[in-house]
Protein backbone atom coordinates (compact mmCIF):
# COMPACT_ATOMS: atom_id res chain seq x y z
CA MET A 1 45.43 73.70 54.16
CA HIS A 2 43.48 76.37 52.36
CA SER A 3 42.70 79.59 54.18
CA VAL A 4 40.00 82.22 53.91
CA GLY A 5 40.53 85.75 55.21
CA LEU A 6 37.71 87.81 56.72
CA VAL A 7 37.52 91.60 56.82
CA LEU A 8 34.63 92.79 58.96
CA HIS A 9 32.71 96.05 58.82
CA PRO A 10 33.73 98.04 61.91
CA GLU A 11 30.18 98.97 62.94
CA ARG A 12 27.85 96.25 61.67
CA ASP A 13 27.07 92.98 63.40
CA SER A 14 28.70 90.30 61.25
CA ALA A 15 28.38 87.47 63.77
CA GLU A 16 25.84 85.48 61.74
CA ALA A 17 27.84 85.78 58.53
CA VAL A 18 31.07 84.84 60.33
CA ALA A 19 29.37 81.77 61.81
CA ALA A 20 28.22 80.74 58.33
CA VAL A 21 31.75 81.11 56.93
CA LEU A 22 33.23 79.16 59.85
CA GLY A 23 30.72 76.35 59.29
CA TRP A 24 31.43 76.24 55.56
CA ALA A 25 35.20 76.28 56.18
CA ALA A 26 34.98 73.47 58.72
CA GLY A 27 33.23 71.30 56.15
CA LYS A 28 35.93 72.06 53.57
CA GLY A 29 38.91 71.68 55.92
CA ALA A 30 39.81 75.34 55.47
CA GLN A 31 41.25 77.70 58.05
CA VAL A 32 39.53 81.05 58.63
CA LEU A 33 41.77 84.04 59.34
CA GLY A 34 40.64 87.42 60.61
CA ILE A 35 42.25 90.68 61.62
CA ASP A 36 42.90 90.37 65.34
CA ALA A 37 40.90 93.38 66.62
CA GLU A 38 37.92 92.53 64.40
CA ILE A 39 37.79 88.86 65.31
CA ARG A 40 38.15 89.52 69.06
CA ARG A 41 35.10 91.80 68.84
CA LEU A 42 33.03 88.74 67.89
CA SER A 43 34.72 86.15 70.12
CA SER A 44 35.11 84.15 66.93
CA ALA A 45 36.86 80.83 66.36
CA ALA A 46 38.74 82.36 63.44
CA VAL A 47 42.52 82.60 63.80
CA ALA A 48 43.52 86.17 64.71
CA VAL A 49 46.29 87.64 62.54
CA THR A 50 47.60 91.08 61.65
CA ALA A 51 46.30 92.81 58.53
CA GLU A 52 49.66 92.15 56.85
CA GLU A 53 49.52 88.43 57.70
CA LEU A 54 45.98 88.24 56.37
CA GLY A 55 47.12 89.54 53.01
CA GLN A 56 50.03 87.11 52.90
CA ARG A 57 48.32 83.96 54.16
CA ALA A 58 44.73 84.08 52.91
CA ARG A 59 44.09 82.44 49.56
CA CYS A 60 40.67 84.05 49.41
CA ASP A 61 39.39 87.24 51.13
CA ARG A 62 35.79 88.07 52.01
CA CYS A 63 34.37 91.33 53.36
CA LEU A 64 31.39 90.89 55.64
CA GLY A 65 28.85 93.45 56.76
CA GLY A 66 28.47 95.61 53.68
CA GLY A 67 31.94 95.76 52.25
CA ALA A 68 35.24 97.17 53.35
CA PRO A 69 35.25 100.59 54.99
CA ALA A 70 36.83 103.43 53.04
CA GLY A 71 40.54 102.90 52.59
CA ARG A 72 40.41 99.12 53.15
CA SER A 73 39.75 97.28 49.95
């Protein structure tokens, strides 16, 4: 299974973008991974993982909400 990792802006509402990614991934049979604290903030269906796991498991990373905050690229 392919996986997509999400990194969310800590202050912006990314719920709509996350929903779009989840819908796209469902149609492609891909798993969506997100950093646990960020994903819990949205009550998302993405699989919560640590930042380290995200880097190891995601085949593709996407930043939502205006890019990664300083120090997280």
